[in-house]
Amino acid sequence: MLRRKAADDRGDRFQQWLESLEPRWQAPVRAALASRDQYAGIVERTPTGPTRDRLDGLRVTVDTAVARVADATWRAANASVVAAGLDVDGATAELKAARRRLEAAPQSGPEAEVARARVDALAERHRAMHDALNLAEDAAGRLAEANVRLETLVARAATVALRSGGGDPLDELETELRSVVDGLGALDDALAEFG
């Protein structure tokens, strides 16, 4: 009874978290959950035997892919919020003004050195801001791509289940599922480096 209550509480917290996200960030998680549910349905409808056993064994990998989508989405949504709070337009204007002052300054001497150092510092800040913006956008694209791959693999699982022959198609399916999981792990790692 206590385990069931704990699982229900986790499910409720997850649902609250999911609903707290902007729709653009809810979409990849909902798509991954739908793929997981569809995969589970395929496994349940597959006749008992080696194919079903192999497909059932791959549920862990599918679940891992879904968890990685959720993790990467959480990080990407946070990166998006941080990036949205940056004043990129102000930083761009400040950098342009500093460059104009550098052009107007004497070519050498302390004034030129100070102006050059200011431009370098502002340029670095500008690059960092754009890196933050690009990271969030890149993450959204990579999450969408991962979900398409996951949906494709679920469709292939259905084909394998209908054939019930086992063998190579299941090996390929497993390899590609692991590739999706690894790609999502790399995305999550890149987002973790951001903060």
N, C-alpha and C. Protein backbone atom coordinates (compact mmCIF):
# COMPACT_ATOMS: atom_id res chain seq x y z
N MET A 1 0.82 -1.19 0.00
CA MET A 1 0.00 0.00 0.00
C MET A 1 0.87 1.27 0.00
N LEU A 2 1.94 1.27 0.84
CA LEU A 2 2.81 2.44 0.90
C LEU A 2 3.56 2.65 -0.41
N ARG A 3 4.00 1.56 -1.05
CA ARG A 3 4.70 1.69 -2.33
C ARG A 3 3.79 2.29 -3.38
N ARG A 4 2.55 1.83 -3.39
CA ARG A 4 1.59 2.35 -4.36
C ARG A 4 1.35 3.83 -4.13
N LYS A 5 1.23 4.24 -2.87
CA LYS A 5 1.04 5.65 -2.53
C LYS A 5 2.23 6.47 -2.98
N ALA A 6 3.45 5.96 -2.74
CA ALA A 6 4.66 6.67 -3.16
C ALA A 6 4.69 6.81 -4.67
N ALA A 7 4.31 5.76 -5.40
CA ALA A 7 4.29 5.82 -6.87
C ALA A 7 3.25 6.83 -7.34
N ASP A 8 2.08 6.84 -6.68
CA ASP A 8 1.05 7.81 -7.04
C ASP A 8 1.53 9.24 -6.79
N ASP A 9 2.22 9.45 -5.66
CA ASP A 9 2.75 10.78 -5.34
C ASP A 9 3.77 11.23 -6.39
N ARG A 10 4.65 10.30 -6.80
CA ARG A 10 5.64 10.64 -7.84
C ARG A 10 4.93 10.98 -9.14
N GLY A 11 3.91 10.21 -9.47
CA GLY A 11 3.15 10.46 -10.70
C GLY A 11 2.47 11.82 -10.65
N ASP A 12 1.91 12.17 -9.49
CA ASP A 12 1.26 13.48 -9.33
C ASP A 12 2.27 14.61 -9.45
N ARG A 13 3.43 14.45 -8.83
CA ARG A 13 4.47 15.48 -8.91
C ARG A 13 4.97 15.63 -10.35
N PHE A 14 5.13 14.50 -11.03
CA PHE A 14 5.58 14.55 -12.42
C PHE A 14 4.55 15.29 -13.26
N GLN A 15 3.28 14.97 -13.06
CA GLN A 15 2.22 15.62 -13.83
C GLN A 15 2.19 17.12 -13.54
N GLN A 16 2.35 17.51 -12.28
CA GLN A 16 2.39 18.93 -11.93
C GLN A 16 3.58 19.62 -12.60
N TRP A 17 4.73 18.95 -12.58
CA TRP A 17 5.91 19.51 -13.24
C TRP A 17 5.65 19.69 -14.73
N LEU A 18 5.10 18.66 -15.36
CA LEU A 18 4.85 18.70 -16.80
C LEU A 18 3.90 19.84 -17.14
N GLU A 19 2.86 20.00 -16.36
CA GLU A 19 1.89 21.06 -16.64
C GLU A 19 2.44 22.45 -16.35
N SER A 20 3.51 22.53 -15.55
CA SER A 20 4.12 23.83 -15.25
C SER A 20 4.99 24.33 -16.40
N LEU A 21 5.34 23.45 -17.33
CA LEU A 21 6.18 23.84 -18.46
C LEU A 21 5.37 24.58 -19.51
N GLU A 22 6.08 25.41 -20.29
CA GLU A 22 5.45 26.02 -21.45
C GLU A 22 5.04 24.91 -22.40
N PRO A 23 4.00 25.13 -23.20
CA PRO A 23 3.56 24.08 -24.15
C PRO A 23 4.69 23.57 -25.05
N ARG A 24 5.59 24.46 -25.47
CA ARG A 24 6.67 24.01 -26.36
C ARG A 24 7.58 23.00 -25.67
N TRP A 25 7.68 23.07 -24.33
CA TRP A 25 8.51 22.11 -23.61
C TRP A 25 7.71 20.90 -23.13
N GLN A 26 6.39 21.05 -23.04
CA GLN A 26 5.56 19.89 -22.71
C GLN A 26 5.54 18.89 -23.87
N ALA A 27 5.56 19.42 -25.09
CA ALA A 27 5.39 18.58 -26.29
C ALA A 27 6.38 17.42 -26.38
N PRO A 28 7.70 17.64 -26.19
CA PRO A 28 8.59 16.49 -26.32
C PRO A 28 8.36 15.42 -25.26
N VAL A 29 8.02 15.84 -24.06
CA VAL A 29 7.78 14.86 -22.98
C VAL A 29 6.50 14.08 -23.27
N ARG A 30 5.45 14.79 -23.67
CA ARG A 30 4.19 14.11 -23.98
C ARG A 30 4.37 13.14 -25.16
N ALA A 31 5.15 13.53 -26.16
CA ALA A 31 5.39 12.65 -27.31
C ALA A 31 6.15 11.41 -26.87
N ALA A 32 7.14 11.57 -26.01
CA ALA A 32 7.92 10.42 -25.52
C ALA A 32 7.03 9.50 -24.69
N LEU A 33 6.18 10.07 -23.85
CA LEU A 33 5.26 9.25 -23.05
C LEU A 33 4.29 8.48 -23.94
N ALA A 34 3.81 9.13 -24.99
CA ALA A 34 2.90 8.46 -25.93
C ALA A 34 3.61 7.30 -26.63
N SER A 35 4.86 7.51 -27.01
CA SER A 35 5.63 6.42 -27.63
C SER A 35 5.81 5.26 -26.67
N ARG A 36 6.11 5.59 -25.41
CA ARG A 36 6.27 4.53 -24.40
C ARG A 36 4.98 3.73 -24.24
N ASP A 37 3.85 4.44 -24.17
CA ASP A 37 2.57 3.75 -24.00
C ASP A 37 2.23 2.90 -25.22
N GLN A 38 2.53 3.44 -26.40
CA GLN A 38 2.27 2.68 -27.62
C GLN A 38 3.15 1.43 -27.66
N TYR A 39 4.40 1.58 -27.27
CA TYR A 39 5.31 0.44 -27.23
C TYR A 39 4.79 -0.63 -26.26
N ALA A 40 4.35 -0.19 -25.09
CA ALA A 40 3.82 -1.15 -24.10
C ALA A 40 2.62 -1.90 -24.68
N GLY A 41 1.77 -1.19 -25.42
CA GLY A 41 0.62 -1.84 -26.06
C GLY A 41 1.04 -2.88 -27.09
N ILE A 42 2.09 -2.58 -27.84
CA ILE A 42 2.60 -3.53 -28.83
C ILE A 42 3.09 -4.79 -28.12
N VAL A 43 3.85 -4.59 -27.04
CA VAL A 43 4.37 -5.74 -26.30
C VAL A 43 3.21 -6.59 -25.78
N GLU A 44 2.21 -5.95 -25.21
CA GLU A 44 1.08 -6.68 -24.63
C GLU A 44 0.29 -7.46 -25.69
N ARG A 45 0.24 -6.93 -26.92
CA ARG A 45 -0.53 -7.60 -27.98
C ARG A 45 0.30 -8.63 -28.76
N THR A 46 1.59 -8.69 -28.50
CA THR A 46 2.45 -9.66 -29.18
C THR A 46 2.24 -11.04 -28.54
N PRO A 47 2.07 -12.06 -29.38
CA PRO A 47 1.88 -13.40 -28.82
C PRO A 47 3.05 -13.83 -27.93
N THR A 48 2.74 -14.62 -26.95
CA THR A 48 3.76 -15.13 -26.04
C THR A 48 4.81 -15.89 -26.84
N GLY A 49 6.07 -15.63 -26.48
CA GLY A 49 7.16 -16.31 -27.17
C GLY A 49 8.41 -15.47 -27.13
N PRO A 50 9.44 -15.89 -27.88
CA PRO A 50 10.72 -15.20 -27.83
C PRO A 50 10.66 -13.75 -28.30
N THR A 51 9.84 -13.47 -29.31
CA THR A 51 9.75 -12.09 -29.80
C THR A 51 9.17 -11.19 -28.72
N ARG A 52 8.11 -11.64 -28.10
CA ARG A 52 7.52 -10.85 -27.02
C ARG A 52 8.51 -10.67 -25.87
N ASP A 53 9.22 -11.72 -25.54
CA ASP A 53 10.21 -11.62 -24.46
C ASP A 53 11.27 -10.58 -24.78
N ARG A 54 11.78 -10.61 -26.02
CA ARG A 54 12.80 -9.61 -26.41
C ARG A 54 12.22 -8.20 -26.40
N LEU A 55 11.02 -8.05 -26.96
CA LEU A 55 10.39 -6.72 -26.97
C LEU A 55 10.15 -6.24 -25.54
N ASP A 56 9.70 -7.15 -24.69
CA ASP A 56 9.47 -6.80 -23.30
C ASP A 56 10.77 -6.39 -22.61
N GLY A 57 11.85 -7.08 -22.94
CA GLY A 57 13.16 -6.74 -22.37
C GLY A 57 13.63 -5.35 -22.78
N LEU A 58 13.18 -4.89 -23.94
CA LEU A 58 13.57 -3.55 -24.42
C LEU A 58 12.76 -2.43 -23.77
N ARG A 59 11.75 -2.79 -23.01
CA ARG A 59 10.96 -1.74 -22.32
C ARG A 59 11.85 -0.86 -21.44
N VAL A 60 12.83 -1.47 -20.81
CA VAL A 60 13.74 -0.71 -19.94
C VAL A 60 14.45 0.37 -20.76
N THR A 61 14.86 0.03 -21.97
CA THR A 61 15.55 1.00 -22.83
C THR A 61 14.58 2.09 -23.27
N VAL A 62 13.36 1.71 -23.60
CA VAL A 62 12.35 2.71 -23.97
C VAL A 62 12.08 3.63 -22.78
N ASP A 63 11.94 3.06 -21.59
CA ASP A 63 11.73 3.86 -20.39
C ASP A 63 12.91 4.81 -20.13
N THR A 64 14.12 4.31 -20.38
CA THR A 64 15.31 5.16 -20.21
C THR A 64 15.27 6.32 -21.20
N ALA A 65 14.86 6.05 -22.43
CA ALA A 65 14.76 7.12 -23.44
C ALA A 65 13.76 8.17 -22.97
N VAL A 66 12.63 7.74 -22.45
CA VAL A 66 11.61 8.68 -21.97
C VAL A 66 12.14 9.50 -20.80
N ALA A 67 12.84 8.86 -19.89
CA ALA A 67 13.41 9.58 -18.74
C ALA A 67 14.44 10.59 -19.22
N ARG A 68 15.23 10.22 -20.21
CA ARG A 68 16.24 11.17 -20.74
C ARG A 68 15.57 12.33 -21.46
N VAL A 69 14.47 12.07 -22.15
CA VAL A 69 13.72 13.18 -22.77
C VAL A 69 13.26 14.13 -21.68
N ALA A 70 12.71 13.59 -20.60
CA ALA A 70 12.23 14.44 -19.50
C ALA A 70 13.38 15.22 -18.87
N ASP A 71 14.51 14.57 -18.63
CA ASP A 71 15.67 15.25 -18.04
C ASP A 71 16.19 16.37 -18.95
N ALA A 72 16.37 16.03 -20.22
CA ALA A 72 16.88 17.03 -21.17
C ALA A 72 15.88 18.17 -21.34
N THR A 73 14.60 17.85 -21.32
CA THR A 73 13.57 18.89 -21.44
C THR A 73 13.62 19.82 -20.24
N TRP A 74 13.78 19.24 -19.06
CA TRP A 74 13.86 20.07 -17.85
C TRP A 74 15.04 21.04 -17.97
N ARG A 75 16.18 20.52 -18.37
CA ARG A 75 17.36 21.39 -18.51
C ARG A 75 17.18 22.41 -19.62
N ALA A 76 16.60 21.98 -20.74
CA ALA A 76 16.40 22.90 -21.86
C ALA A 76 15.40 24.00 -21.49
N ALA A 77 14.36 23.64 -20.77
CA ALA A 77 13.37 24.64 -20.34
C ALA A 77 14.04 25.65 -19.41
N ASN A 78 14.88 25.17 -18.50
CA ASN A 78 15.61 26.09 -17.61
C ASN A 78 16.56 26.97 -18.39
N ALA A 79 17.27 26.39 -19.36
CA ALA A 79 18.18 27.19 -20.19
C ALA A 79 17.41 28.25 -20.96
N SER A 80 16.22 27.89 -21.42
CA SER A 80 15.39 28.83 -22.15
C SER A 80 14.96 30.00 -21.27
N VAL A 81 14.61 29.70 -20.03
CA VAL A 81 14.21 30.76 -19.09
C VAL A 81 15.39 31.68 -18.79
N VAL A 82 16.56 31.08 -18.57
CA VAL A 82 17.76 31.88 -18.30
C VAL A 82 18.08 32.75 -19.52
N ALA A 83 18.05 32.14 -20.70
CA ALA A 83 18.37 32.88 -21.92
C ALA A 83 17.39 34.00 -22.17
N ALA A 84 16.11 33.75 -21.87
CA ALA A 84 15.09 34.78 -22.09
C ALA A 84 15.31 35.98 -21.18
N GLY A 85 15.95 35.76 -20.03
CA GLY A 85 16.21 36.85 -19.10
C GLY A 85 17.42 37.68 -19.45
N LEU A 86 18.16 37.27 -20.46
CA LEU A 86 19.35 38.02 -20.87
C LEU A 86 18.94 39.19 -21.77
N ASP A 87 19.62 40.29 -21.59
CA ASP A 87 19.35 41.47 -22.43
C ASP A 87 20.31 41.46 -23.61
N VAL A 88 20.03 40.60 -24.58
CA VAL A 88 20.92 40.44 -25.73
C VAL A 88 20.93 41.71 -26.57
N ASP A 89 19.77 42.32 -26.74
CA ASP A 89 19.72 43.56 -27.53
C ASP A 89 20.56 44.65 -26.88
N GLY A 90 20.46 44.77 -25.57
CA GLY A 90 21.27 45.77 -24.85
C GLY A 90 22.76 45.46 -24.97
N ALA A 91 23.11 44.17 -24.86
CA ALA A 91 24.52 43.78 -24.99
C ALA A 91 25.04 44.05 -26.39
N THR A 92 24.20 43.83 -27.39
CA THR A 92 24.59 44.11 -28.78
C THR A 92 24.84 45.60 -28.98
N ALA A 93 23.92 46.41 -28.47
CA ALA A 93 24.06 47.87 -28.61
C ALA A 93 25.32 48.36 -27.88
N GLU A 94 25.56 47.81 -26.70
CA GLU A 94 26.74 48.22 -25.93
C GLU A 94 28.03 47.82 -26.64
N LEU A 95 28.04 46.63 -27.24
CA LEU A 95 29.22 46.17 -27.97
C LEU A 95 29.47 47.06 -29.20
N LYS A 96 28.41 47.39 -29.92
CA LYS A 96 28.57 48.26 -31.10
C LYS A 96 29.10 49.63 -30.71
N ALA A 97 28.58 50.17 -29.62
CA ALA A 97 29.05 51.48 -29.15
C ALA A 97 30.52 51.41 -28.75
N ALA A 98 30.91 50.33 -28.08
CA ALA A 98 32.31 50.18 -27.67
C ALA A 98 33.22 50.05 -28.89
N ARG A 99 32.75 49.37 -29.91
CA ARG A 99 33.54 49.24 -31.14
C ARG A 99 33.70 50.60 -31.83
N ARG A 100 32.64 51.41 -31.82
CA ARG A 100 32.73 52.75 -32.41
C ARG A 100 33.74 53.60 -31.63
N ARG A 101 33.72 53.50 -30.29
CA ARG A 101 34.69 54.24 -29.48
C ARG A 101 36.11 53.77 -29.77
N LEU A 102 36.27 52.47 -29.97
CA LEU A 102 37.60 51.94 -30.29
C LEU A 102 38.09 52.49 -31.64
N GLU A 103 37.20 52.54 -32.61
CA GLU A 103 37.58 53.08 -33.92
C GLU A 103 37.95 54.56 -33.83
N ALA A 104 37.28 55.29 -32.95
CA ALA A 104 37.54 56.72 -32.80
C ALA A 104 38.75 57.01 -31.92
N ALA A 105 39.19 56.04 -31.14
CA ALA A 105 40.33 56.24 -30.23
C ALA A 105 41.63 56.25 -31.02
N PRO A 106 42.65 56.84 -30.44
CA PRO A 106 43.98 56.77 -31.08
C PRO A 106 44.38 55.30 -31.24
N GLN A 107 45.20 55.02 -32.24
CA GLN A 107 45.58 53.64 -32.56
C GLN A 107 46.46 52.99 -31.49
N SER A 108 47.14 53.79 -30.70
CA SER A 108 47.99 53.22 -29.65
C SER A 108 47.87 54.06 -28.39
N GLY A 109 48.43 53.54 -27.33
CA GLY A 109 48.39 54.26 -26.07
C GLY A 109 47.39 53.65 -25.11
N PRO A 110 47.35 54.21 -23.88
CA PRO A 110 46.49 53.65 -22.83
C PRO A 110 45.00 53.71 -23.19
N GLU A 111 44.58 54.77 -23.85
CA GLU A 111 43.16 54.89 -24.20
C GLU A 111 42.75 53.78 -25.18
N ALA A 112 43.61 53.48 -26.14
CA ALA A 112 43.32 52.41 -27.11
C ALA A 112 43.30 51.05 -26.41
N GLU A 113 44.23 50.84 -25.48
CA GLU A 113 44.28 49.56 -24.76
C GLU A 113 43.02 49.35 -23.93
N VAL A 114 42.58 50.39 -23.25
CA VAL A 114 41.35 50.30 -22.45
C VAL A 114 40.16 50.03 -23.35
N ALA A 115 40.07 50.74 -24.48
CA ALA A 115 38.95 50.56 -25.41
C ALA A 115 38.96 49.14 -26.00
N ARG A 116 40.14 48.64 -26.35
CA ARG A 116 40.27 47.29 -26.92
C ARG A 116 39.87 46.23 -25.88
N ALA A 117 40.31 46.42 -24.65
CA ALA A 117 39.97 45.47 -23.57
C ALA A 117 38.46 45.47 -23.33
N ARG A 118 37.85 46.64 -23.39
CA ARG A 118 36.39 46.73 -23.19
C ARG A 118 35.66 46.01 -24.32
N VAL A 119 36.10 46.22 -25.57
CA VAL A 119 35.47 45.54 -26.70
C VAL A 119 35.62 44.03 -26.55
N ASP A 120 36.80 43.57 -26.17
CA ASP A 120 37.02 42.14 -26.00
C ASP A 120 36.10 41.55 -24.93
N ALA A 121 35.97 42.24 -23.82
CA ALA A 121 35.11 41.76 -22.72
C ALA A 121 33.65 41.75 -23.15
N LEU A 122 33.20 42.82 -23.81
CA LEU A 122 31.81 42.88 -24.27
C LEU A 122 31.53 41.85 -25.36
N ALA A 123 32.52 41.60 -26.22
CA ALA A 123 32.35 40.58 -27.26
C ALA A 123 32.22 39.20 -26.64
N GLU A 124 32.99 38.92 -25.62
CA GLU A 124 32.90 37.64 -24.93
C GLU A 124 31.53 37.47 -24.27
N ARG A 125 31.04 38.53 -23.62
CA ARG A 125 29.71 38.48 -23.01
C ARG A 125 28.64 38.24 -24.07
N HIS A 126 28.77 38.92 -25.20
CA HIS A 126 27.82 38.78 -26.31
C HIS A 126 27.81 37.34 -26.83
N ARG A 127 28.99 36.75 -27.00
CA ARG A 127 29.09 35.35 -27.45
C ARG A 127 28.43 34.41 -26.43
N ALA A 128 28.69 34.65 -25.16
CA ALA A 128 28.12 33.79 -24.12
C ALA A 128 26.60 33.86 -24.13
N MET A 129 26.06 35.06 -24.32
CA MET A 129 24.61 35.21 -24.37
C MET A 129 24.02 34.46 -25.56
N HIS A 130 24.67 34.58 -26.70
CA HIS A 130 24.17 33.87 -27.88
C HIS A 130 24.34 32.37 -27.74
N ASP A 131 25.39 31.94 -27.07
CA ASP A 131 25.54 30.51 -26.81
C ASP A 131 24.37 29.99 -25.98
N ALA A 132 23.96 30.76 -24.99
CA ALA A 132 22.83 30.36 -24.14
C ALA A 132 21.55 30.28 -24.97
N LEU A 133 21.31 31.28 -25.81
CA LEU A 133 20.12 31.28 -26.66
C LEU A 133 20.15 30.10 -27.63
N ASN A 134 21.30 29.87 -28.25
CA ASN A 134 21.42 28.79 -29.22
C ASN A 134 21.28 27.42 -28.58
N LEU A 135 21.76 27.28 -27.35
CA LEU A 135 21.67 26.01 -26.66
C LEU A 135 20.21 25.60 -26.46
N ALA A 136 19.39 26.53 -26.02
CA ALA A 136 17.98 26.22 -25.81
C ALA A 136 17.29 25.86 -27.12
N GLU A 137 17.58 26.60 -28.18
CA GLU A 137 16.97 26.32 -29.47
C GLU A 137 17.46 24.99 -30.04
N ASP A 138 18.76 24.73 -29.90
CA ASP A 138 19.32 23.48 -30.38
C ASP A 138 18.69 22.30 -29.62
N ALA A 139 18.52 22.47 -28.33
CA ALA A 139 17.92 21.40 -27.52
C ALA A 139 16.51 21.09 -27.99
N ALA A 140 15.72 22.11 -28.30
CA ALA A 140 14.35 21.90 -28.77
C ALA A 140 14.37 21.07 -30.06
N GLY A 141 15.26 21.41 -30.97
CA GLY A 141 15.36 20.66 -32.22
C GLY A 141 15.82 19.23 -32.02
N ARG A 142 16.80 19.05 -31.14
CA ARG A 142 17.30 17.70 -30.89
C ARG A 142 16.28 16.84 -30.16
N LEU A 143 15.49 17.44 -29.27
CA LEU A 143 14.43 16.68 -28.61
C LEU A 143 13.37 16.24 -29.62
N ALA A 144 13.02 17.13 -30.54
CA ALA A 144 12.03 16.78 -31.56
C ALA A 144 12.57 15.64 -32.43
N GLU A 145 13.84 15.72 -32.79
CA GLU A 145 14.46 14.66 -33.61
C GLU A 145 14.48 13.33 -32.85
N ALA A 146 14.82 13.37 -31.58
CA ALA A 146 14.84 12.13 -30.78
C ALA A 146 13.46 11.51 -30.70
N ASN A 147 12.43 12.34 -30.57
CA ASN A 147 11.07 11.80 -30.51
C ASN A 147 10.65 11.18 -31.84
N VAL A 148 11.05 11.78 -32.94
CA VAL A 148 10.74 11.18 -34.24
C VAL A 148 11.42 9.82 -34.35
N ARG A 149 12.67 9.74 -33.93
CA ARG A 149 13.37 8.46 -33.96
C ARG A 149 12.69 7.44 -33.06
N LEU A 150 12.26 7.88 -31.87
CA LEU A 150 11.58 6.97 -30.95
C LEU A 150 10.26 6.49 -31.54
N GLU A 151 9.49 7.39 -32.14
CA GLU A 151 8.22 7.00 -32.79
C GLU A 151 8.47 6.01 -33.92
N THR A 152 9.53 6.24 -34.69
CA THR A 152 9.88 5.34 -35.79
C THR A 152 10.23 3.96 -35.25
N LEU A 153 10.99 3.92 -34.16
CA LEU A 153 11.37 2.64 -33.57
C LEU A 153 10.16 1.89 -33.00
N VAL A 154 9.20 2.62 -32.48
CA VAL A 154 7.97 1.98 -31.99
C VAL A 154 7.22 1.36 -33.17
N ALA A 155 7.17 2.08 -34.28
CA ALA A 155 6.51 1.53 -35.48
C ALA A 155 7.26 0.28 -35.97
N ARG A 156 8.59 0.33 -35.92
CA ARG A 156 9.37 -0.84 -36.32
C ARG A 156 9.13 -2.01 -35.37
N ALA A 157 8.95 -1.69 -34.09
CA ALA A 157 8.66 -2.75 -33.11
C ALA A 157 7.34 -3.43 -33.46
N ALA A 158 6.38 -2.64 -33.92
CA ALA A 158 5.09 -3.22 -34.32
C ALA A 158 5.29 -4.17 -35.50
N THR A 159 6.13 -3.78 -36.44
CA THR A 159 6.41 -4.64 -37.59
C THR A 159 7.08 -5.93 -37.16
N VAL A 160 8.05 -5.79 -36.26
CA VAL A 160 8.75 -6.98 -35.74
C VAL A 160 7.76 -7.89 -35.02
N ALA A 161 6.87 -7.30 -34.23
CA ALA A 161 5.89 -8.09 -33.48
C ALA A 161 4.96 -8.85 -34.43
N LEU A 162 4.61 -8.22 -35.54
CA LEU A 162 3.72 -8.88 -36.49
C LEU A 162 4.41 -10.05 -37.19
N ARG A 163 5.71 -9.90 -37.42
CA ARG A 163 6.47 -10.98 -38.07
C ARG A 163 6.74 -12.12 -37.10
N SER A 164 6.96 -11.77 -35.84
CA SER A 164 7.27 -12.74 -34.79
C SER A 164 8.38 -13.69 -35.17
N GLY A 165 9.34 -13.19 -35.92
CA GLY A 165 10.44 -14.05 -36.32
C GLY A 165 11.67 -13.90 -35.45
N GLY A 166 11.76 -12.81 -34.68
CA GLY A 166 12.94 -12.58 -33.85
C GLY A 166 14.14 -12.28 -34.72
N GLY A 167 15.32 -12.46 -34.16
CA GLY A 167 16.56 -12.31 -34.90
C GLY A 167 16.98 -10.89 -35.18
N ASP A 168 17.55 -10.69 -36.37
CA ASP A 168 18.18 -9.43 -36.74
C ASP A 168 17.32 -8.19 -36.55
N PRO A 169 16.03 -8.20 -36.95
CA PRO A 169 15.25 -6.96 -36.75
C PRO A 169 15.22 -6.51 -35.29
N LEU A 170 15.19 -7.47 -34.38
CA LEU A 170 15.19 -7.11 -32.96
C LEU A 170 16.56 -6.58 -32.54
N ASP A 171 17.63 -7.15 -33.09
CA ASP A 171 18.96 -6.64 -32.79
C ASP A 171 19.12 -5.21 -33.28
N GLU A 172 18.65 -4.95 -34.50
CA GLU A 172 18.72 -3.59 -35.05
C GLU A 172 17.88 -2.63 -34.22
N LEU A 173 16.70 -3.07 -33.84
CA LEU A 173 15.82 -2.24 -33.02
C LEU A 173 16.50 -1.88 -31.70
N GLU A 174 17.11 -2.88 -31.07
CA GLU A 174 17.80 -2.63 -29.81
C GLU A 174 18.96 -1.66 -30.00
N THR A 175 19.73 -1.84 -31.05
CA THR A 175 20.87 -0.96 -31.33
C THR A 175 20.40 0.48 -31.54
N GLU A 176 19.34 0.64 -32.31
CA GLU A 176 18.85 1.99 -32.58
C GLU A 176 18.23 2.63 -31.34
N LEU A 177 17.55 1.83 -30.53
CA LEU A 177 17.01 2.37 -29.27
C LEU A 177 18.14 2.86 -28.38
N ARG A 178 19.19 2.08 -28.29
CA ARG A 178 20.34 2.51 -27.47
C ARG A 178 20.98 3.77 -28.05
N SER A 179 20.98 3.90 -29.38
CA SER A 179 21.51 5.09 -30.02
C SER A 179 20.69 6.33 -29.65
N VAL A 180 19.37 6.17 -29.59
CA VAL A 180 18.50 7.28 -29.18
C VAL A 180 18.81 7.66 -27.73
N VAL A 181 18.93 6.66 -26.88
CA VAL A 181 19.23 6.91 -25.46
C VAL A 181 20.58 7.62 -25.32
N ASP A 182 21.58 7.15 -26.07
CA ASP A 182 22.91 7.78 -26.00
C ASP A 182 22.87 9.22 -26.49
N GLY A 183 22.14 9.47 -27.57
CA GLY A 183 22.01 10.84 -28.09
C GLY A 183 21.34 11.76 -27.09
N LEU A 184 20.31 11.25 -26.42
CA LEU A 184 19.64 12.05 -25.40
C LEU A 184 20.55 12.29 -24.20
N GLY A 185 21.36 11.30 -23.88
CA GLY A 185 22.32 11.47 -22.79
C GLY A 185 23.34 12.55 -23.12
N ALA A 186 23.81 12.56 -24.37
CA ALA A 186 24.77 13.59 -24.80
C ALA A 186 24.12 14.98 -24.74
N LEU A 187 22.86 15.07 -25.15
CA LEU A 187 22.16 16.36 -25.08
C LEU A 187 22.02 16.80 -23.63
N ASP A 188 21.63 15.88 -22.76
CA ASP A 188 21.48 16.22 -21.34
C ASP A 188 22.82 16.66 -20.74
N ASP A 189 23.90 15.99 -21.14
CA ASP A 189 25.22 16.38 -20.65
C ASP A 189 25.58 17.79 -21.11
N ALA A 190 25.29 18.10 -22.37
CA ALA A 190 25.60 19.44 -22.89
C ALA A 190 24.79 20.50 -22.14
N LEU A 191 23.55 20.19 -21.85
CA LEU A 191 22.71 21.14 -21.11
C LEU A 191 23.19 21.26 -19.67
N ALA A 192 23.66 20.17 -19.08
CA ALA A 192 24.16 20.20 -17.71
C ALA A 192 25.39 21.10 -17.60
N GLU A 193 26.23 21.10 -18.64
CA GLU A 193 27.41 21.97 -18.64
C GLU A 193 27.01 23.43 -18.63
N PHE A 194 25.86 23.74 -19.24
CA PHE A 194 25.37 25.11 -19.27
C PHE A 194 25.03 25.59 -17.87
N GLY A 195 24.52 24.68 -17.06
CA GLY A 195 24.17 25.08 -15.71
C GLY A 195 23.00 24.33 -15.25
